[in-house]
Amino acid sequence: MTAQHVLQLLAPEEKARLTELEEQVMVGASAAVLAGRALTEIRDSRLYRESHDSFQTYAEQRFGMSRQRAYQLIDYAATAGEFEQRGLQLPPERITRALGGVVPDDYALVLDVTRGVTGKDRPSSADVQATAEVVRDLVAGAHIEHPDTQQPVPLSQIPPERRVEAVSKAVQRGAADRRTYQGTDDVKPLDWLSGFQQMGLSGSVHFDAAGYWVELTDSDTGEMRQGPKGKTFWDAIRAARVAWEGEVRTDDQE
């Protein structure tokens, strides 16, 4: 055994705890939260160290579990704790994975909006993910139409009791815009916008009281180009693409 792979003996109480935790993991998918919490403690306390030199190897050899699956269970257990703290019912594991990137305080908002928009008591993970993407964008700084003034504002300016209403409208509008988005190919709007990075250009969407617009900035010269204004975020990208398509081509289109 090399110096890099020296295994450490467990104390009797650690061995007993390891056996207890392993039994919890073996319960299976019906106890995913329990399994995830057990795996978390095994990893964090390094209770695998007597027989294995890494948590990944331990999970694979002890449970036939890939690293990805082990960490999915660990993440599910952590998410379960967030739901418990907020008095929320924990959804299935596949739904919590669709919430990835959403701050815990917005879990209820995402799920309530998804149920309202889809009309499903048990929406699919794809349904939840679509709403989660909108909420993540809003938290990152995108603006949303105020339900009373119809003006674009940060999500923080929407009263908590009106947020489900406002976000539901944004999700519905975004879905409709994506379905009707027209271009010369099948490139999605945000993919089209991010494609300018390949040409040394930075694309971003801005807004004011008059609407939204796309700005392109040359990272080398600082030269800026502004697209036509649109009523919505998606309208702005559509208008810019209509105005500029054919003028600029990516390297793989040349």
C-alpha atoms as a PDB file:
ATOM      1  CA  MET A   1       0.000   0.000   0.000  1.00  0.00           C
ATOM      2  CA  THR A   2       1.457   3.353  -1.010  1.00  0.00           C
ATOM      3  CA  ALA A   3       1.792   6.369   1.247  1.00  0.00           C
ATOM      4  CA  GLN A   4      -1.003   8.091  -0.638  1.00  0.00           C
ATOM      5  CA  HIS A   5      -3.429   5.261   0.190  1.00  0.00           C
ATOM      6  CA  VAL A   6      -2.895   4.722   3.909  1.00  0.00           C
ATOM      7  CA  LEU A   7      -6.207   3.691   5.474  1.00  0.00           C
ATOM      8  CA  GLN A   8      -7.108   4.701   9.009  1.00  0.00           C
ATOM      9  CA  LEU A   9      -8.708   2.434  11.590  1.00  0.00           C
ATOM     10  CA  LEU A  10     -12.082   3.441  12.966  1.00  0.00           C
ATOM     11  CA  ALA A  11     -12.793   3.660  16.648  1.00  0.00           C
ATOM     12  CA  PRO A  12     -15.372   1.102  17.911  1.00  0.00           C
ATOM     13  CA  GLU A  13     -18.076   3.756  18.195  1.00  0.00           C
ATOM     14  CA  GLU A  14     -17.333   4.927  14.642  1.00  0.00           C
ATOM     15  CA  LYS A  15     -17.628   1.367  13.337  1.00  0.00           C
ATOM     16  CA  ALA A  16     -20.980   1.003  15.056  1.00  0.00           C
ATOM     17  CA  ARG A  17     -22.178   4.296  13.621  1.00  0.00           C
ATOM     18  CA  LEU A  18     -20.947   3.325  10.142  1.00  0.00           C
ATOM     19  CA  THR A  19     -22.928   0.072  10.287  1.00  0.00           C
ATOM     20  CA  GLU A  20     -26.028   1.980  11.359  1.00  0.00           C
ATOM     21  CA  LEU A  21     -25.617   4.533   8.578  1.00  0.00           C
ATOM     22  CA  GLU A  22     -24.967   1.867   5.936  1.00  0.00           C
ATOM     23  CA  GLU A  23     -28.193   0.121   6.890  1.00  0.00           C
ATOM     24  CA  GLN A  24     -30.028   3.394   6.357  1.00  0.00           C
ATOM     25  CA  VAL A  25     -28.518   3.818   2.889  1.00  0.00           C
ATOM     26  CA  MET A  26     -29.558   0.274   1.963  1.00  0.00           C
ATOM     27  CA  VAL A  27     -33.203   0.985   2.688  1.00  0.00           C
ATOM     28  CA  GLY A  28     -33.390   2.234  -0.885  1.00  0.00           C
ATOM     29  CA  ALA A  29     -35.134   4.875  -2.934  1.00  0.00           C
ATOM     30  CA  SER A  30     -38.196   4.946  -0.665  1.00  0.00           C
ATOM     31  CA  ALA A  31     -35.967   6.469   1.989  1.00  0.00           C
ATOM     32  CA  ALA A  32     -33.931   8.735  -0.274  1.00  0.00           C
ATOM     33  CA  VAL A  33     -33.778  11.507   2.307  1.00  0.00           C
ATOM     34  CA  LEU A  34     -32.566   9.145   5.019  1.00  0.00           C
ATOM     35  CA  ALA A  35     -30.026   7.674   2.604  1.00  0.00           C
ATOM     36  CA  GLY A  36     -28.836  11.136   1.614  1.00  0.00           C
ATOM     37  CA  ARG A  37     -28.389  12.219   5.220  1.00  0.00           C
ATOM     38  CA  ALA A  38     -26.516   9.016   6.005  1.00  0.00           C
ATOM     39  CA  LEU A  39     -24.224   9.488   3.017  1.00  0.00           C
ATOM     40  CA  THR A  40     -23.638  13.096   4.043  1.00  0.00           C
ATOM     41  CA  GLU A  41     -22.456  12.066   7.495  1.00  0.00           C
ATOM     42  CA  ILE A  42     -20.322   9.235   6.120  1.00  0.00           C
ATOM     43  CA  ARG A  43     -18.662  11.668   3.723  1.00  0.00           C
ATOM     44  CA  ASP A  44     -18.258  14.601   6.098  1.00  0.00           C
ATOM     45  CA  SER A  45     -16.975  12.475   9.001  1.00  0.00           C
ATOM     46  CA  ARG A  46     -14.873  10.329   6.639  1.00  0.00           C
ATOM     47  CA  LEU A  47     -16.289   7.166   8.163  1.00  0.00           C
ATOM     48  CA  TYR A  48     -15.243   5.284   5.034  1.00  0.00           C
ATOM     49  CA  ARG A  49     -11.536   5.794   5.739  1.00  0.00           C
ATOM     50  CA  GLU A  50     -10.838   2.395   7.339  1.00  0.00           C
ATOM     51  CA  SER A  51     -11.665   0.498   4.147  1.00  0.00           C
ATOM     52  CA  HIS A  52     -11.474   3.068   1.357  1.00  0.00           C
ATOM     53  CA  ASP A  53      -9.325   6.036   0.500  1.00  0.00           C
ATOM     54  CA  SER A  54     -12.101   8.119  -1.060  1.00  0.00           C
ATOM     55  CA  PHE A  55     -15.826   8.610  -0.628  1.00  0.00           C
ATOM     56  CA  GLN A  56     -16.424   8.011  -4.335  1.00  0.00           C
ATOM     57  CA  THR A  57     -14.710   4.610  -4.264  1.00  0.00           C
ATOM     58  CA  TYR A  58     -16.520   3.722  -1.056  1.00  0.00           C
ATOM     59  CA  ALA A  59     -19.963   4.523  -2.514  1.00  0.00           C
ATOM     60  CA  GLU A  60     -19.239   2.560  -5.674  1.00  0.00           C
ATOM     61  CA  GLN A  61     -17.880  -0.535  -3.933  1.00  0.00           C
ATOM     62  CA  ARG A  62     -20.132  -0.578  -0.872  1.00  0.00           C
ATOM     63  CA  PHE A  63     -23.446   0.256  -2.540  1.00  0.00           C
ATOM     64  CA  GLY A  64     -22.798  -0.040  -6.289  1.00  0.00           C
ATOM     65  CA  MET A  65     -23.641   3.649  -6.427  1.00  0.00           C
ATOM     66  CA  SER A  66     -22.097   6.104  -8.881  1.00  0.00           C
ATOM     67  CA  ARG A  67     -20.624   9.351  -7.617  1.00  0.00           C
ATOM     68  CA  GLN A  68     -23.440  11.219  -9.390  1.00  0.00           C
ATOM     69  CA  ARG A  69     -26.127   9.162  -7.663  1.00  0.00           C
ATOM     70  CA  ALA A  70     -24.518   9.517  -4.256  1.00  0.00           C
ATOM     71  CA  TYR A  71     -24.404  13.284  -4.579  1.00  0.00           C
ATOM     72  CA  GLN A  72     -27.958  13.411  -5.917  1.00  0.00           C
ATOM     73  CA  LEU A  73     -29.092  11.774  -2.677  1.00  0.00           C
ATOM     74  CA  ILE A  74     -26.925  14.125  -0.621  1.00  0.00           C
ATOM     75  CA  ASP A  75     -28.418  17.134  -2.421  1.00  0.00           C
ATOM     76  CA  TYR A  76     -31.939  15.756  -1.963  1.00  0.00           C
ATOM     77  CA  ALA A  77     -31.379  15.440   1.774  1.00  0.00           C
ATOM     78  CA  ALA A  78     -30.119  19.020   1.956  1.00  0.00           C
ATOM     79  CA  THR A  79     -33.131  20.243  -0.012  1.00  0.00           C
ATOM     80  CA  ALA A  80     -35.445  18.270   2.266  1.00  0.00           C
ATOM     81  CA  GLY A  81     -34.035  20.189   5.208  1.00  0.00           C
ATOM     82  CA  GLU A  82     -34.872  23.487   3.514  1.00  0.00           C
ATOM     83  CA  PHE A  83     -38.446  22.332   2.878  1.00  0.00           C
ATOM     84  CA  GLU A  84     -38.826  21.204   6.485  1.00  0.00           C
ATOM     85  CA  GLN A  85     -37.585  24.554   7.818  1.00  0.00           C
ATOM     86  CA  ARG A  86     -40.261  26.337   5.785  1.00  0.00           C
ATOM     87  CA  GLY A  87     -43.075  23.948   6.647  1.00  0.00           C
ATOM     88  CA  LEU A  88     -43.413  22.842   3.019  1.00  0.00           C
ATOM     89  CA  GLN A  89     -44.279  19.376   1.790  1.00  0.00           C
ATOM     90  CA  LEU A  90     -41.249  17.749   0.187  1.00  0.00           C
ATOM     91  CA  PRO A  91     -41.863  16.883  -3.487  1.00  0.00           C
ATOM     92  CA  PRO A  92     -40.357  13.848  -5.235  1.00  0.00           C
ATOM     93  CA  GLU A  93     -36.626  13.833  -5.840  1.00  0.00           C
ATOM     94  CA  ARG A  94     -36.960  14.557  -9.571  1.00  0.00           C
ATOM     95  CA  ILE A  95     -38.893  17.746  -8.774  1.00  0.00           C
ATOM     96  CA  THR A  96     -36.310  19.007  -6.314  1.00  0.00           C
ATOM     97  CA  ARG A  97     -33.602  18.512  -8.942  1.00  0.00           C
ATOM     98  CA  ALA A  98     -35.624  20.727 -11.280  1.00  0.00           C
ATOM     99  CA  LEU A  99     -35.424  23.445  -8.611  1.00  0.00           C
ATOM    100  CA  GLY A 100     -31.640  23.565  -8.944  1.00  0.00           C
ATOM    101  CA  GLY A 101     -30.317  27.107  -8.647  1.00  0.00           C
ATOM    102  CA  VAL A 102     -33.497  28.468  -7.061  1.00  0.00           C
ATOM    103  CA  VAL A 103     -32.957  30.000  -3.626  1.00  0.00           C
ATOM    104  CA  PRO A 104     -34.874  28.053  -0.947  1.00  0.00           C
ATOM    105  CA  ASP A 105     -37.107  31.013  -0.092  1.00  0.00           C
ATOM    106  CA  ASP A 106     -38.499  30.832  -3.648  1.00  0.00           C
ATOM    107  CA  TYR A 107     -39.310  27.100  -3.650  1.00  0.00           C
ATOM    108  CA  ALA A 108     -42.963  27.708  -2.778  1.00  0.00           C
ATOM    109  CA  LEU A 109     -43.250  30.447  -5.414  1.00  0.00           C
ATOM    110  CA  VAL A 110     -41.931  28.162  -8.160  1.00  0.00           C
ATOM    111  CA  LEU A 111     -44.185  25.254  -7.203  1.00  0.00           C
ATOM    112  CA  ASP A 112     -47.310  27.408  -6.752  1.00  0.00           C
ATOM    113  CA  VAL A 113     -46.773  29.125 -10.113  1.00  0.00           C
ATOM    114  CA  THR A 114     -46.137  25.811 -11.861  1.00  0.00           C
ATOM    115  CA  ARG A 115     -49.300  24.241 -10.481  1.00  0.00           C
ATOM    116  CA  GLY A 116     -51.341  27.301 -11.433  1.00  0.00           C
ATOM    117  CA  VAL A 117     -49.947  27.634 -14.960  1.00  0.00           C
ATOM    118  CA  THR A 118     -50.128  23.925 -15.816  1.00  0.00           C
ATOM    119  CA  GLY A 119     -53.313  23.114 -13.915  1.00  0.00           C
ATOM    120  CA  LYS A 120     -51.586  20.009 -12.548  1.00  0.00           C
ATOM    121  CA  ASP A 121     -51.507  19.048  -8.893  1.00  0.00           C
ATOM    122  CA  ARG A 122     -48.381  17.054  -9.693  1.00  0.00           C
ATOM    123  CA  PRO A 123     -46.532  18.891 -12.458  1.00  0.00           C
ATOM    124  CA  SER A 124     -43.657  17.251 -14.285  1.00  0.00           C
ATOM    125  CA  SER A 125     -40.029  18.073 -13.618  1.00  0.00           C
ATOM    126  CA  ALA A 126     -39.944  19.814 -17.018  1.00  0.00           C
ATOM    127  CA  ASP A 127     -42.860  22.034 -15.942  1.00  0.00           C
ATOM    128  CA  VAL A 128     -41.080  22.955 -12.718  1.00  0.00           C
ATOM    129  CA  GLN A 129     -37.797  23.570 -14.502  1.00  0.00           C
ATOM    130  CA  ALA A 130     -39.438  26.012 -16.935  1.00  0.00           C
ATOM    131  CA  THR A 131     -40.800  28.083 -14.044  1.00  0.00           C
ATOM    132  CA  ALA A 132     -37.539  27.789 -12.123  1.00  0.00           C
ATOM    133  CA  GLU A 133     -35.648  29.285 -15.076  1.00  0.00           C
ATOM    134  CA  VAL A 134     -37.905  32.338 -15.055  1.00  0.00           C
ATOM    135  CA  VAL A 135     -37.549  32.826 -11.295  1.00  0.00           C
ATOM    136  CA  ARG A 136     -33.767  32.422 -11.457  1.00  0.00           C
ATOM    137  CA  ASP A 137     -33.621  35.106 -14.165  1.00  0.00           C
ATOM    138  CA  LEU A 138     -35.746  37.441 -12.044  1.00  0.00           C
ATOM    139  CA  VAL A 139     -33.567  36.951  -8.989  1.00  0.00           C
ATOM    140  CA  ALA A 140     -30.494  37.584 -11.154  1.00  0.00           C
ATOM    141  CA  GLY A 141     -31.856  40.990 -12.140  1.00  0.00           C
ATOM    142  CA  ALA A 142     -34.352  40.494 -14.958  1.00  0.00           C
ATOM    143  CA  HIS A 143     -37.492  42.605 -14.628  1.00  0.00           C
ATOM    144  CA  ILE A 144     -41.118  41.587 -14.523  1.00  0.00           C
ATOM    145  CA  GLU A 145     -44.318  43.382 -15.429  1.00  0.00           C
ATOM    146  CA  HIS A 146     -46.008  44.891 -12.378  1.00  0.00           C
ATOM    147  CA  PRO A 147     -49.597  43.555 -12.207  1.00  0.00           C
ATOM    148  CA  ASP A 148     -51.006  47.044 -11.530  1.00  0.00           C
ATOM    149  CA  THR A 149     -48.842  49.444 -13.545  1.00  0.00           C
ATOM    150  CA  GLN A 150     -47.754  47.026 -16.310  1.00  0.00           C
ATOM    151  CA  GLN A 151     -44.291  48.594 -16.042  1.00  0.00           C
ATOM    152  CA  PRO A 152     -41.128  46.453 -15.841  1.00  0.00           C
ATOM    153  CA  VAL A 153     -39.835  46.342 -12.268  1.00  0.00           C
ATOM    154  CA  PRO A 154     -37.542  44.116 -10.161  1.00  0.00           C
ATOM    155  CA  LEU A 155     -39.277  41.150  -8.548  1.00  0.00           C
ATOM    156  CA  SER A 156     -38.562  42.694  -5.144  1.00  0.00           C
ATOM    157  CA  GLN A 157     -40.982  45.527  -5.976  1.00  0.00           C
ATOM    158  CA  ILE A 158     -43.882  43.125  -6.453  1.00  0.00           C
ATOM    159  CA  PRO A 159     -45.829  42.647  -3.181  1.00  0.00           C
ATOM    160  CA  PRO A 160     -45.358  39.077  -1.915  1.00  0.00           C
ATOM    161  CA  GLU A 161     -49.087  38.384  -2.214  1.00  0.00           C
ATOM    162  CA  ARG A 162     -48.996  39.365  -5.925  1.00  0.00           C
ATOM    163  CA  ARG A 163     -45.854  37.495  -6.954  1.00  0.00           C
ATOM    164  CA  VAL A 164     -47.560  34.261  -7.955  1.00  0.00           C
ATOM    165  CA  GLU A 165     -49.852  36.277 -10.228  1.00  0.00           C
ATOM    166  CA  ALA A 166     -46.999  38.278 -11.770  1.00  0.00           C
ATOM    167  CA  VAL A 167     -44.632  35.355 -12.251  1.00  0.00           C
ATOM    168  CA  SER A 168     -47.433  33.195 -13.679  1.00  0.00           C
ATOM    169  CA  LYS A 169     -48.036  35.814 -16.355  1.00  0.00           C
ATOM    170  CA  ALA A 170     -44.312  35.995 -17.112  1.00  0.00           C
ATOM    171  CA  VAL A 171     -44.079  32.207 -17.439  1.00  0.00           C
ATOM    172  CA  GLN A 172     -47.110  32.056 -19.730  1.00  0.00           C
ATOM    173  CA  ARG A 173     -45.885  34.934 -21.866  1.00  0.00           C
ATOM    174  CA  GLY A 174     -42.387  33.506 -22.081  1.00  0.00           C
ATOM    175  CA  ALA A 175     -43.716  30.120 -23.189  1.00  0.00           C
ATOM    176  CA  ALA A 176     -45.899  31.742 -25.853  1.00  0.00           C
ATOM    177  CA  ASP A 177     -43.026  33.909 -27.076  1.00  0.00           C
ATOM    178  CA  ARG A 178     -40.708  30.943 -27.346  1.00  0.00           C
ATOM    179  CA  ARG A 179     -43.312  29.023 -29.341  1.00  0.00           C
ATOM    180  CA  THR A 180     -43.854  31.872 -31.793  1.00  0.00           C
ATOM    181  CA  TYR A 181     -40.240  33.056 -31.986  1.00  0.00           C
ATOM    182  CA  GLN A 182     -39.244  33.267 -35.639  1.00  0.00           C
ATOM    183  CA  GLY A 183     -35.720  33.197 -37.026  1.00  0.00           C
ATOM    184  CA  THR A 184     -33.966  31.714 -40.034  1.00  0.00           C
ATOM    185  CA  ASP A 185     -33.051  28.604 -38.067  1.00  0.00           C
ATOM    186  CA  ASP A 186     -33.964  26.750 -34.891  1.00  0.00           C
ATOM    187  CA  VAL A 187     -31.547  28.574 -32.588  1.00  0.00           C
ATOM    188  CA  LYS A 188     -33.243  29.526 -29.322  1.00  0.00           C
ATOM    189  CA  PRO A 189     -33.386  33.250 -28.489  1.00  0.00           C
ATOM    190  CA  LEU A 190     -30.915  33.202 -25.618  1.00  0.00           C
ATOM    191  CA  ASP A 191     -28.587  30.886 -27.535  1.00  0.00           C
ATOM    192  CA  TRP A 192     -28.680  33.349 -30.438  1.00  0.00           C
ATOM    193  CA  LEU A 193     -27.814  36.217 -28.111  1.00  0.00           C
ATOM    194  CA  SER A 194     -24.990  34.357 -26.357  1.00  0.00           C
ATOM    195  CA  GLY A 195     -23.579  33.334 -29.748  1.00  0.00           C
ATOM    196  CA  PHE A 196     -22.179  36.829 -30.196  1.00  0.00           C
ATOM    197  CA  GLN A 197     -19.547  35.994 -27.578  1.00  0.00           C
ATOM    198  CA  GLN A 198     -17.811  33.854 -30.215  1.00  0.00           C
ATOM    199  CA  MET A 199     -17.210  37.063 -32.166  1.00  0.00           C
ATOM    200  CA  GLY A 200     -15.862  39.074 -29.256  1.00  0.00           C
ATOM    201  CA  LEU A 201     -19.183  40.815 -28.670  1.00  0.00           C
ATOM    202  CA  SER A 202     -21.135  41.052 -25.432  1.00  0.00           C
ATOM    203  CA  GLY A 203     -24.925  40.881 -25.815  1.00  0.00           C
ATOM    204  CA  SER A 204     -27.311  42.045 -23.102  1.00  0.00           C
ATOM    205  CA  VAL A 205     -30.936  43.095 -22.713  1.00  0.00           C
ATOM    206  CA  HIS A 206     -31.801  46.454 -21.133  1.00  0.00           C
ATOM    207  CA  PHE A 207     -35.068  48.201 -20.324  1.00  0.00           C
ATOM    208  CA  ASP A 208     -36.671  51.489 -19.413  1.00  0.00           C
ATOM    209  CA  ALA A 209     -40.232  52.780 -19.244  1.00  0.00           C
ATOM    210  CA  ALA A 210     -40.492  52.573 -23.043  1.00  0.00           C
ATOM    211  CA  GLY A 211     -39.587  48.892 -23.255  1.00  0.00           C
ATOM    212  CA  TYR A 212     -36.723  46.450 -23.708  1.00  0.00           C
ATOM    213  CA  TRP A 213     -33.812  46.455 -26.156  1.00  0.00           C
ATOM    214  CA  VAL A 214     -30.660  44.488 -26.952  1.00  0.00           C
ATOM    215  CA  GLU A 215     -27.219  46.050 -26.766  1.00  0.00           C
ATOM    216  CA  LEU A 216     -24.088  44.604 -28.379  1.00  0.00           C
ATOM    217  CA  THR A 217     -20.717  45.821 -27.150  1.00  0.00           C
ATOM    218  CA  ASP A 218     -17.373  45.134 -28.821  1.00  0.00           C
ATOM    219  CA  SER A 219     -15.066  44.034 -26.005  1.00  0.00           C
ATOM    220  CA  ASP A 220     -11.998  45.325 -27.874  1.00  0.00           C
ATOM    221  CA  THR A 221     -13.142  48.744 -29.074  1.00  0.00           C
ATOM    222  CA  GLY A 222     -15.997  49.466 -26.677  1.00  0.00           C
ATOM    223  CA  GLU A 223     -18.248  50.228 -29.652  1.00  0.00           C
ATOM    224  CA  MET A 224     -21.910  49.696 -28.793  1.00  0.00           C
ATOM    225  CA  ARG A 225     -24.902  48.910 -30.990  1.00  0.00           C
ATOM    226  CA  GLN A 226     -28.508  49.154 -29.816  1.00  0.00           C
ATOM    227  CA  GLY A 227     -31.361  47.122 -31.229  1.00  0.00           C
ATOM    228  CA  PRO A 228     -35.011  48.149 -31.708  1.00  0.00           C
ATOM    229  CA  LYS A 229     -37.204  48.378 -28.620  1.00  0.00           C
ATOM    230  CA  GLY A 230     -39.819  45.774 -27.816  1.00  0.00           C
ATOM    231  CA  LYS A 231     -42.588  45.508 -25.256  1.00  0.00           C
ATOM    232  CA  THR A 232     -41.145  42.392 -23.623  1.00  0.00           C
ATOM    233  CA  PHE A 233     -37.755  40.793 -23.043  1.00  0.00           C
ATOM    234  CA  TRP A 234     -38.442  38.305 -25.836  1.00  0.00           C
ATOM    235  CA  ASP A 235     -39.776  40.976 -28.190  1.00  0.00           C
ATOM    236  CA  ALA A 236     -36.462  42.822 -27.839  1.00  0.00           C
ATOM    237  CA  ILE A 237     -34.437  39.777 -28.852  1.00  0.00           C
ATOM    238  CA  ARG A 238     -36.823  39.056 -31.720  1.00  0.00           C
ATOM    239  CA  ALA A 239     -36.598  42.636 -32.993  1.00  0.00           C
ATOM    240  CA  ALA A 240     -32.799  42.632 -32.825  1.00  0.00           C
ATOM    241  CA  ARG A 241     -32.585  39.358 -34.655  1.00  0.00           C
ATOM    242  CA  VAL A 242     -34.908  40.533 -37.406  1.00  0.00           C
ATOM    243  CA  ALA A 243     -32.846  43.725 -37.772  1.00  0.00           C
ATOM    244  CA  TRP A 244     -29.404  42.141 -37.643  1.00  0.00           C
ATOM    245  CA  GLU A 245     -29.801  38.624 -39.009  1.00  0.00           C
ATOM    246  CA  GLY A 246     -27.704  38.108 -42.091  1.00  0.00           C
ATOM    247  CA  GLU A 247     -25.366  40.971 -41.214  1.00  0.00           C
ATOM    248  CA  VAL A 248     -23.302  38.985 -38.720  1.00  0.00           C
ATOM    249  CA  ARG A 249     -22.506  35.296 -38.976  1.00  0.00           C
ATOM    250  CA  THR A 250     -20.765  33.038 -36.526  1.00  0.00           C
ATOM    251  CA  ASP A 251     -17.565  31.250 -37.516  1.00  0.00           C
ATOM    252  CA  ASP A 252     -19.286  27.923 -38.062  1.00  0.00           C
ATOM    253  CA  GLN A 253     -21.743  29.557 -40.481  1.00  0.00           C
ATOM    254  CA  GLU A 254     -19.032  31.026 -42.721  1.00  0.00           C
END
